[in-house]
Protein backbone atom coordinates (compact mmCIF):
# COMPACT_ATOMS: atom_id res chain seq x y z
CA MET A 1 131.26 13.98 -137.05
CA ALA A 2 132.63 10.14 -136.40
CA GLU A 3 133.63 9.34 -133.24
CA PHE A 4 136.95 8.22 -132.47
CA ARG A 5 137.40 4.97 -130.53
CA GLY A 6 140.28 3.41 -128.96
CA VAL A 7 141.31 -0.30 -129.89
CA ASP A 8 141.29 -2.50 -126.75
CA GLU A 9 144.17 -5.55 -126.54
CA ALA A 10 141.60 -7.76 -127.70
CA GLY A 11 140.82 -6.00 -131.11
CA LEU A 12 144.36 -5.38 -131.90
CA LYS A 13 144.71 -9.52 -131.14
CA LYS A 14 141.85 -9.74 -133.74
CA ALA A 15 143.30 -7.25 -136.16
CA LEU A 16 146.26 -8.58 -136.34
CA ALA A 17 145.12 -12.46 -136.51
CA LYS A 18 143.41 -11.54 -139.45
CA ALA A 19 146.33 -9.95 -140.90
CA ALA A 20 148.24 -12.98 -140.46
CA HIS A 21 146.04 -15.41 -143.30
CA ALA A 22 146.14 -11.95 -145.95
CA PRO A 23 148.15 -13.26 -149.05
CA ARG A 24 151.02 -10.12 -149.23
CA ALA A 25 153.16 -9.44 -152.23
CA LEU A 26 157.19 -10.72 -151.12
CA ALA A 27 158.71 -9.63 -154.67
CA ALA A 28 157.03 -8.35 -158.01
CA ARG A 29 158.84 -7.90 -161.02
CA PHE A 30 157.78 -7.05 -164.90
CA ASP A 31 159.11 -10.13 -167.47
CA ARG A 32 159.57 -8.28 -170.58
CA ARG A 33 159.84 -11.61 -172.33
CA SER A 34 156.80 -12.54 -171.86
CA HIS A 35 155.23 -9.32 -171.01
CA ARG A 36 153.19 -10.06 -167.96
CA VAL A 37 153.68 -9.07 -164.16
CA CYS A 38 155.32 -11.42 -162.06
CA VAL A 39 154.29 -11.80 -157.72
CA SER A 40 155.61 -14.14 -155.41
CA LEU A 41 152.78 -14.10 -152.23
CA ASN A 42 153.91 -15.30 -148.61
CA THR A 43 151.51 -17.99 -149.19
CA GLY A 44 154.04 -19.55 -151.11
CA ILE A 45 151.86 -18.69 -154.42
CA ARG A 46 153.49 -16.78 -157.52
CA PHE A 47 150.96 -15.61 -160.05
CA SER A 48 151.71 -13.52 -163.09
CA PHE A 49 148.86 -10.98 -165.09
CA ASP A 50 149.13 -9.17 -168.42
CA PRO A 51 149.36 -5.49 -167.90
CA ARG A 52 147.39 -4.79 -170.47
CA LEU A 53 144.19 -6.25 -168.84
CA ALA A 54 144.78 -4.44 -165.36
CA HIS A 55 143.11 -1.04 -165.68
CA GLY A 56 145.28 1.80 -166.41
CA LEU A 57 148.12 -0.20 -167.25
CA GLN A 58 146.73 -1.11 -170.95
CA GLU A 59 148.93 1.38 -172.89
CA ALA A 60 152.33 1.30 -170.50
CA SER A 61 155.49 0.52 -171.97
CA ALA A 62 157.75 -2.17 -170.78
CA ASP A 63 160.23 0.48 -169.80
CA GLU A 64 157.10 2.11 -167.11
CA LEU A 65 156.23 -1.48 -165.99
CA ALA A 66 159.62 -2.31 -165.22
CA GLY A 67 159.99 -0.34 -162.23
CA VAL A 68 157.42 -2.45 -160.52
CA THR A 69 157.79 -2.25 -156.52
CA VAL A 70 155.61 -3.67 -153.38
CA GLU A 71 154.83 -0.94 -151.06
CA GLY A 72 154.04 -1.27 -147.16
CA VAL A 73 153.62 -5.02 -145.52
CA GLY A 74 153.14 -6.34 -149.25
CA GLY A 75 149.25 -5.34 -149.67
CA THR A 76 150.10 -2.82 -152.71
CA LEU A 77 152.04 -3.32 -156.27
CA HIS A 78 153.52 0.33 -157.11
CA PHE A 79 154.45 1.49 -160.72
CA PRO A 80 156.74 4.52 -159.77
CA LYS A 81 156.95 5.57 -163.44
CA LEU A 82 152.53 5.30 -163.62
CA ASP A 83 152.13 6.82 -160.36
CA ALA A 84 149.45 3.74 -160.30
CA ASP A 85 149.31 1.45 -157.01
CA PHE A 86 147.03 -2.50 -157.14
CA SER A 87 146.10 -3.76 -154.29
CA VAL A 88 147.36 -6.98 -154.25
CA ALA A 89 143.98 -8.76 -152.70
CA ARG A 90 141.83 -6.87 -155.62
CA LEU A 91 144.29 -8.54 -158.13
CA LEU A 92 143.81 -11.80 -156.84
CA GLU A 93 140.14 -11.83 -156.67
CA GLY A 94 140.09 -10.08 -160.28
CA PHE A 95 141.42 -13.13 -161.33
CA LEU A 96 140.25 -15.59 -158.61
CA GLY A 97 137.00 -14.56 -157.95
CA PRO A 98 135.69 -12.61 -154.48
CA LEU A 99 137.95 -13.32 -151.44
CA GLU A 100 134.79 -14.08 -149.48
CA TRP A 101 134.65 -17.85 -150.96
CA ALA A 102 136.79 -18.27 -147.72
CA ARG A 103 134.00 -16.95 -145.71
CA ARG A 104 131.49 -18.40 -147.38
CA GLU A 105 133.10 -21.66 -146.95
CA ALA A 106 133.70 -21.60 -142.99
CA ARG A 107 130.28 -20.44 -142.98
CA ALA A 108 128.90 -23.49 -144.73
CA ALA A 109 131.00 -26.07 -142.80
CA ALA A 110 129.94 -24.98 -139.46
CA SER A 111 126.49 -25.77 -140.54
CA ARG A 112 127.03 -28.46 -141.86
CA GLU A 113 128.78 -29.22 -138.36
CA ASN A 114 125.69 -27.98 -136.86
CA GLY A 115 123.52 -29.81 -138.87
CA ARG A 116 125.23 -33.16 -137.98
CA ARG A 117 124.38 -32.19 -134.42
CA GLY A 118 120.35 -31.53 -135.27
CA GLY A 119 120.56 -28.03 -136.41
CA ARG A 120 119.30 -24.96 -135.03
CA PRO A 121 117.41 -24.65 -132.12
CA ARG A 122 113.66 -24.38 -132.64
CA LYS A 123 111.94 -20.82 -131.64
CA ALA A 124 108.83 -21.41 -128.94
CA VAL A 125 105.60 -20.72 -130.37
CA ARG A 126 103.78 -18.86 -127.55
CA SER A 127 100.36 -19.95 -127.73
CA PRO A 128 97.43 -17.86 -128.02
CA THR A 129 95.74 -17.50 -125.08
């Protein structure tokens, strides 16, 4: 059985800082004219997608799509008439590629900076005695 571990103050601050940078939906609506779901994010980005490209929404009618709401703290789009939920992060990942790219870019930048300083320290090699 899994052991429950409490969260300390440092862990909580780290989690809150990470969550503050996560893209969250502020608003979502279905545009009948273009037949697209339109989403506004806390980052200032707006995107839309054709629901026929989203698994579970291919056969949905305009009336079913029109009730889309933002749930929780903006991490989920909910279609109540379809009882379907979609993660905002996963939708973005599906359109833009893995969200891991930001983390990879940060690691690459740190590696370049480390290279400018002479690179990774060499491991000490023990000579046979």
